[in-house]
Every structure is written in structure tokens, then in C-alpha cells.
Amino acid sequence: MAEMLGALSFCASRERRVADIAFIKQTEGMSTTPETRFDPSALSEVDKQRLQQALQSDFLPVLLSKGGDVVELPQPVNDLFIEILQAVRRKEAVFLIHEDEAFTTQAAADYMGVSRQFFVRLLEDGKLPFHRVGTHRRVLFKDLIAYRQARSGERRAKLDKMTEELVEADLDAQYVDLTRPDPGRK
């Protein structure tokens, strides 16, 4: 994995501090397809210190061409890049998944935090689109994200309605002790 760290350099550009980090698979005679999984333990201590310095400073990640041209990243890409660097600093593995990636029902259920049986029921009830590969169901990652966002929106709307009803009934200022008595104490 150490051969994957292609370049980690910091330079000054247009009176800004710029961080350039490139992870490139460098193997002779093989494809240069970027890896979609990066293991933070592959970084040397020097690289970890440089990443820490970049996160604590006013660095801006950029793309650096072979010819030396610097292309500043748009703010949303910059924010994502900072999230990735913070995860690496916390020694968390980072995965990049294409939105059209097909998940098995088990992988999708694990991602959603539900049982496989419950997830299959969601599919069969038409709550999530899926396709079949032979007899096996597959769900696209973008559909999982859309379903999770819709489900969170519905939950938020129901909680907002409940809160509104509590406020209208003037029950929001009352204190209710919800602690359960300890059965071992008298």
C-alpha cells in the first residue's frame, strides 16, 4: 500500500497556501486506475504530520497537472476532501462508492441498519426499486441514499408535527420524570 502514495506536497500559490495530495497506483506494466479504498495505516509518520498540518492551517486542496498547472477545487469538492483527510487522521478507512454501484440485499440491509428480511420486504412492497441478476436482487446505491433521505424527511416531519401539538397544548413547559425506578432499591 505504501507504493500508492504518489505525491503529498505543499506549496504557495497566489498568496494562498495550497495542499496537493495525489493518491496514484504506481505499478509497472499495470493499469493506473485509482484505488477506491485507501487504508490510513499506509501513511508514514511524516505524511501523517503533514496532513495534520494541512488540516490545522489555511490550506486549499488543488489539482496539480504534470505540467505544473494548478486548478483550484470548487468549495463542495474542497469540503469533501477535508472530510476525507479528517477521516484519515482518525485512522478510518475511506471508501468511494459510485452512485450506480449495485448492492446485494445483505449489503444494502447492512448499510441501512436493518435485517435482510425486512429489507427484502421493502423491495417486494415496492418501496425501493431493484433489479435482478439471475434470481438475485440488486439495489443501486443512489436508490438507498434517496430512500434514506426520504425516510429521514418523513420522520422529521412527524416529529415537527408532534412538537407543534405539544406547544399548542402548552405541554412543552411541563417536566415529566421519565426515569425508571431501580427494582433493586427500596
Protein backbone atom coordinates (compact mmCIF):
# COMPACT_ATOMS: atom_id res chain seq x y z
CA MET A 1 0.00 0.00 0.00
CA ALA A 2 2.96 2.34 0.53
CA GLU A 3 3.51 2.47 -3.24
CA MET A 4 0.07 4.08 -3.60
CA LEU A 5 1.06 7.42 -2.11
CA GLY A 6 2.10 9.23 -5.24
CA ALA A 7 2.58 12.78 -4.06
CA LEU A 8 1.99 14.86 -0.98
CA SER A 9 3.25 18.38 -1.43
CA PHE A 10 2.53 21.80 -0.03
CA CYS A 11 3.29 24.98 -1.93
CA ALA A 12 2.39 28.67 -2.05
CA SER A 13 0.20 29.82 -4.90
CA ARG A 14 -1.30 33.25 -5.50
CA GLU A 15 -0.64 34.27 -1.87
CA ARG A 16 -2.56 31.20 -0.63
CA ARG A 17 -1.22 28.11 0.99
CA VAL A 18 -2.05 25.16 -1.19
CA ALA A 19 -2.05 21.47 -0.37
CA ASP A 20 -1.75 18.98 -3.18
CA ILE A 21 -2.37 15.36 -2.38
CA ALA A 22 -2.48 12.72 -5.08
CA PHE A 23 -3.03 9.02 -4.49
CA ILE A 24 -1.95 7.14 -7.61
CA LYS A 25 -1.37 3.46 -8.00
CA GLN A 26 2.19 3.23 -9.31
CA THR A 27 2.88 -0.27 -10.51
CA GLU A 28 4.96 -1.04 -13.56
CA GLY A 29 3.12 -2.52 -16.52
CA MET A 30 -0.25 -2.33 -14.81
CA SER A 31 -3.24 -0.05 -15.09
CA THR A 32 -3.10 3.33 -13.35
CA THR A 33 -6.74 3.05 -12.26
CA PRO A 34 -7.08 4.81 -8.90
CA GLU A 35 -7.87 2.58 -5.95
CA THR A 36 -11.26 3.27 -4.36
CA ARG A 37 -10.14 2.17 -0.89
CA PHE A 38 -7.34 3.87 0.97
CA ASP A 39 -6.01 2.42 4.22
CA PRO A 40 -4.76 5.22 6.51
CA SER A 41 -2.23 2.90 8.12
CA ALA A 42 -0.31 3.03 4.81
CA LEU A 43 0.76 6.62 5.54
CA SER A 44 4.19 7.23 7.00
CA GLU A 45 4.55 9.30 10.16
CA VAL A 46 5.92 12.20 8.10
CA ASP A 47 2.86 12.12 5.81
CA LYS A 48 0.53 11.95 8.84
CA GLN A 49 2.21 15.01 10.33
CA ARG A 50 1.89 16.88 7.03
CA LEU A 51 -1.81 16.01 6.84
CA GLN A 52 -2.28 17.22 10.41
CA GLN A 53 -0.52 20.47 9.49
CA ALA A 54 -2.75 20.86 6.43
CA LEU A 55 -5.92 20.39 8.48
CA GLN A 56 -4.83 22.92 11.08
CA SER A 57 -3.81 25.53 8.52
CA ASP A 58 -5.49 27.52 5.82
CA PHE A 59 -4.61 25.07 3.06
CA LEU A 60 -6.67 24.69 -0.08
CA PRO A 61 -6.50 21.36 -1.95
CA VAL A 62 -5.85 21.69 -5.67
CA LEU A 63 -5.26 19.53 -8.70
CA LEU A 64 -1.74 19.79 -10.00
CA SER A 65 -1.16 18.80 -13.61
CA LYS A 66 2.03 17.13 -14.84
CA GLY A 67 2.86 20.46 -16.49
CA GLY A 68 2.60 22.29 -13.15
CA ASP A 69 -0.76 23.97 -13.77
CA VAL A 70 -2.73 24.49 -10.55
CA VAL A 71 -6.52 24.06 -10.65
CA GLU A 72 -8.36 25.14 -7.50
CA LEU A 73 -11.18 22.82 -6.47
CA PRO A 74 -14.76 24.10 -6.08
CA GLN A 75 -15.86 24.60 -2.44
CA PRO A 76 -18.08 21.44 -2.27
CA VAL A 77 -15.18 19.32 -3.54
CA ASN A 78 -12.84 21.06 -1.10
CA ASP A 79 -15.23 20.29 1.78
CA LEU A 80 -15.41 16.62 0.76
CA PHE A 81 -11.64 16.48 0.52
CA ILE A 82 -11.32 17.92 4.05
CA GLU A 83 -13.81 15.29 5.32
CA ILE A 84 -11.66 12.57 3.77
CA LEU A 85 -8.49 13.98 5.33
CA GLN A 86 -10.15 14.17 8.74
CA ALA A 87 -11.24 10.53 8.43
CA VAL A 88 -7.68 9.55 7.51
CA ARG A 89 -6.43 11.48 10.55
CA ARG A 90 -8.87 9.49 12.74
CA LYS A 91 -7.39 6.32 11.13
CA GLU A 92 -10.68 5.43 9.48
CA ALA A 93 -10.72 3.66 6.13
CA VAL A 94 -12.21 5.73 3.32
CA PHE A 95 -14.31 4.19 0.55
CA LEU A 96 -15.50 5.92 -2.59
CA ILE A 97 -18.62 4.29 -3.98
CA HIS A 98 -20.11 5.22 -7.34
CA GLU A 99 -23.81 6.05 -7.08
CA ASP A 100 -24.62 3.37 -9.67
CA GLU A 101 -22.92 0.64 -7.62
CA ALA A 102 -25.27 -2.35 -7.19
CA PHE A 103 -25.62 -3.75 -3.67
CA THR A 104 -26.77 -7.22 -2.70
CA THR A 105 -29.77 -7.32 -0.38
CA GLN A 106 -27.50 -8.25 2.54
CA ALA A 107 -25.04 -5.41 1.86
CA ALA A 108 -27.92 -2.95 1.40
CA ALA A 109 -29.59 -4.12 4.62
CA ASP A 110 -26.29 -3.73 6.49
CA TYR A 111 -25.87 -0.23 5.10
CA MET A 112 -29.43 0.73 6.11
CA GLY A 113 -29.08 -0.87 9.55
CA VAL A 114 -32.00 -3.28 9.13
CA SER A 115 -32.34 -7.03 8.80
CA ARG A 116 -32.10 -8.61 5.36
CA GLN A 117 -35.64 -9.98 5.72
CA PHE A 118 -37.05 -6.51 6.49
CA PHE A 119 -35.10 -5.05 3.57
CA VAL A 120 -36.41 -7.69 1.13
CA ARG A 121 -39.93 -6.87 2.32
CA LEU A 122 -39.28 -3.18 1.45
CA LEU A 123 -38.25 -4.27 -2.05
CA GLU A 124 -41.22 -6.56 -2.56
CA ASP A 125 -43.62 -3.84 -1.30
CA GLY A 126 -42.25 -1.52 -4.00
CA LYS A 127 -40.74 1.00 -1.57
CA LEU A 128 -37.33 0.71 -3.23
CA PRO A 129 -36.51 -0.01 -6.87
CA PHE A 130 -34.36 -3.04 -7.62
CA HIS A 131 -33.28 -5.22 -10.49
CA ARG A 132 -32.43 -8.89 -10.70
CA VAL A 133 -29.21 -10.57 -11.67
CA GLY A 134 -30.41 -14.09 -12.31
CA THR A 135 -32.52 -14.81 -9.25
CA HIS A 136 -30.68 -12.33 -7.01
CA ARG A 137 -31.97 -8.83 -6.24
CA ARG A 138 -29.66 -5.83 -6.58
CA VAL A 139 -30.24 -2.27 -5.38
CA LEU A 140 -28.38 0.79 -6.63
CA PHE A 141 -26.54 2.87 -4.05
CA LYS A 142 -28.25 6.08 -5.23
CA ASP A 143 -31.65 4.45 -4.53
CA LEU A 144 -30.54 3.56 -1.00
CA ILE A 145 -29.48 7.17 -0.42
CA ALA A 146 -32.77 8.53 -1.81
CA TYR A 147 -34.82 6.15 0.36
CA ARG A 148 -32.84 7.01 3.48
CA GLN A 149 -33.25 10.75 2.85
CA ALA A 150 -37.00 10.37 2.23
CA ARG A 151 -37.38 8.27 5.37
CA SER A 152 -35.47 10.84 7.43
CA GLY A 153 -37.63 13.63 5.98
CA GLU A 154 -40.82 11.77 6.93
CA ARG A 155 -39.54 11.18 10.46
CA ARG A 156 -38.55 14.83 10.81
CA ALA A 157 -41.99 15.96 9.61
CA LYS A 158 -43.75 13.69 12.12
CA LEU A 159 -41.54 14.90 14.98
CA ASP A 160 -42.15 18.52 13.98
CA LYS A 161 -45.90 17.88 14.00
CA MET A 162 -45.72 16.24 17.43
CA THR A 163 -43.65 19.14 18.77
CA GLU A 164 -46.13 21.63 17.33
CA GLU A 165 -49.03 19.81 19.02
CA LEU A 166 -47.18 19.82 22.36
CA VAL A 167 -46.54 23.54 22.11
CA GLU A 168 -50.18 24.24 21.18
CA ALA A 169 -51.36 22.20 24.18
CA ASP A 170 -48.87 24.11 26.38
CA LEU A 171 -47.26 20.85 27.45
CA ASP A 172 -43.76 21.85 26.37
CA ALA A 173 -43.06 23.67 29.66
CA GLN A 174 -44.08 20.79 31.92
CA TYR A 175 -41.49 18.49 33.41
CA VAL A 176 -42.22 14.80 33.38
CA ASP A 177 -39.87 12.48 35.25
CA LEU A 178 -39.18 9.60 32.87
CA THR A 179 -36.60 7.81 35.00
CA ARG A 180 -37.48 4.26 35.84
CA PRO A 181 -37.28 3.13 39.43
CA ASP A 182 -34.43 0.71 40.14
CA PRO A 183 -36.07 -2.61 41.12
CA GLY A 184 -33.10 -3.46 43.35
CA ARG A 185 -33.53 -0.35 45.53
CA LYS A 186 -36.17 0.22 48.15
